[in-house]
Amino acid sequence: MTAAAFLPFLVLAMVLVAAVQIGRRVMLWRSGQSATVDWLAGLKALPRRYLVDVHHVVDRDKSASRMHVPTAGGLVLASGLLVLGLVPAIAASRLYWGLVALAFLVMGAGVVLEANRRYPRALPRLSLGRWQRLPIHLGVFAGGGLVTALLAALGNPLPALSFLTLFATAAAGLALAGTAATGPMRHALAGASHLVAHPRPKRFDHHPQKGEATGLRPLDLEAEKLGAETPADFAWNRLLAFDACVQCGRCEAACPAFAAGQPLSPKHLIADLAAASGGGHARPYAGLPYPNERAIGGTAGLHTPIVSPEGLVHPDTLWSCTTCRACVEECPMMIEHVDAIVDLRRFQTLELGAIPMKAEEPLAHYRGCDEPNGRPLFERTDFAAGLSLPRIVEKGEAEVLLWLGQAAYDLRGQRTLKALIQTLNAAGVDFAVLGGQERDCGDLARRLGDEATFQRLARANVETLSRYRFGRILTADPHALHVIRNEYPAFGGNYEVVHHTAFLAELVESGRLAPASLAGRAITYHDPCYLGRYNGEVEAPRALLDALGLERREMARSGKRAMCCGGGGGAPSADVPGDTRIPDIRMGQIKETGAKTVAVACPQCTAMLEGVTGDRAEVKDVAELVWEAVQAGGRKTTGANPVRELEPA
């Protein structure tokens, strides 16, 4: 019997070892909370999710794509072919062994490319430890299998060598299978399972508007425990997701908090959550540590608190997150880091009251007056004195309901709102505002983990909105847009919500606005996270800027991959210190374009970027630029109402 004849049995042994190993993790996953999974739909969608969705993200790093495709493809192909070798007639064919050798050759080529990423010095964002040994195991398995199969294809001229390479192949193959529970190969089996049982299956629907793919799900406020304290408090398919992490470090490289030197690495966090659920130690790999790492106790276990000085995750790590979803956007395994962070925050806030000191004030204001700034609701329209700003309580209905949001209380935000209101009047738009009946949308409360306050505000706002008739809700705040569009439906509020950049683009395209050209000015556009990544709206703002004749220069990080300004997720309220500030980093990226003006489309982005000191670009909301062009265009408009003399923005 030739050495090659044992290769099919080796594959079966590897499958058996891997099955036993992964079975240990399955039992652990089952310790999590229940979750509804459409298994049939998930299994049917797996090929597309893996070959299209995952590969689309992997391919952003060409070196990773060139490495992953032949390595994984060759491994699967070689293993599949070897299973066929259990049939004696097939195993007797030299052509068959030639095909097996070719599959191992393809795998080996991929391993060489992988080794180039790790030796002699690994990319900084990659994990080391057992991950550093992975190319060796893969390489020995591929090389040994190649030689063994090739010798069989040549008629087995060197039987001693053949058995030697078989032994090497078996040792490496079983070593790979042995890491299916706690080592690098865990991601392969857990990753495929995760794609089938993904907590957000809508994420793969490929709709322009993401909707359910990004909105947080309501917390049952009657539950025995609110939020996640221990690994066992997560849904079982979330525990599965932690094990799917391939520790490629792409999330880390995209994270604004990590870049600013705050104690957060999304990769490190997911690795710690996986270690926590398995009772492992805090540092299962030798990757980059949390920046400015805080001291922790390192205790772990399925029923052990995760976020505590004695646990695996320090509270400052939790509160450094801006919820920008840059980590989620870059993750090739489609892990939902932000969902895990918010679940952990909910327990800290609702059960322990353990929130950052500076976050206590806005949450207290929420409970007292439905606004995080403590201002009375009736003052929301004070900024618009002298402007035509109809209240819907007086009209009863309107084509458009303008949601003013927090910008109405902020001097800088008021300039944006004034420009928008004047532009709407110039175009003859039938609109109105809630005025003193508009409560805060609750975005900040929800991201800080105060789900109870958010749900109270959501229900109150839905009840108020139900009194009036309107076609669409218009807002200049992407956070309000996201919450009302994607998170209010769970409370009975189903509305068509449009961002002001998309609405103004409609007015220009339809001819209701005829802005003059602002040609001769170079500008760059900063994508708000809650507009671009959360809601997929990246084209309308750019189309609008192009319609104004501006020279638009893109930043290196733009669109759905843009860098956060640092203003989301309650991060300014938490105010966890780092080495620098996120908006300072973003302004540096703006300066690299050479543009003297940065167009923004979010009041929080405006505030964060204008807070950068020193030489910086001028910050202008898109609405301000449109109003400037409308004024320059004079009376050239075909709106339903004539243009009146309006107060300058």
Foldseek 3Di string as FASTA:
>chain_A
DFLLLCVLVLLVVLVVLLVVQVVVVVVLLVLAAADDAPLVVLVVCLVCCQVPVLLVLQVVPVLSNQLPCLQVQLVVVLNVLSNVSVPVVLVLALVSLVVSLVSLVSNLVSLVSVVVCPPPHHDQQAWDDLVVCLSVLSNLLSVLSNVLSNCVSVVNPDRVSNNVSSVSNSVSSNVLSNCCNPHLVVLVVLLSVCSSGPNQVLCPVPDLFSFSNFDAAAWDPPDPAAFDFFQNHHNSSLLSLLSNANSPRQLQVLALLQVQQFQEGLSLVSPQSNCQSVQHFSDPTHHDGGRVDDAALGGHYRPHGQEDSPHNHDVSHLLQHQLLCLSQVNGSSNRDSLNNSLRSLLRCCVVVVNAFPLQVQQVVLCVVALGSVVDQQLCLCVLQVPAPAAACVVVQEWQEEEEEAPLSVPPVSSQLVQLLRLVCVLLQGTYHYNRSQDGHCCQQCSLSNNSVSNVVNLLSVQVVVVRGYYQAYEYLALSSQCCQDRPSVVNVRHGHYDYSLQVVLVCVVVQSFDFEAPAPAEEEEADASSPFQNTNPAVSNVSLNVSNNHRYFYFPQDGNRGHHLQQHSCSVSNVRHGNRHSNVVVQVSRVVRVGQEYEYRHPSSQVSNVPDDDDGHHYHYSSLVRSVRRVVVPQSGDHPDGNDDGDRD
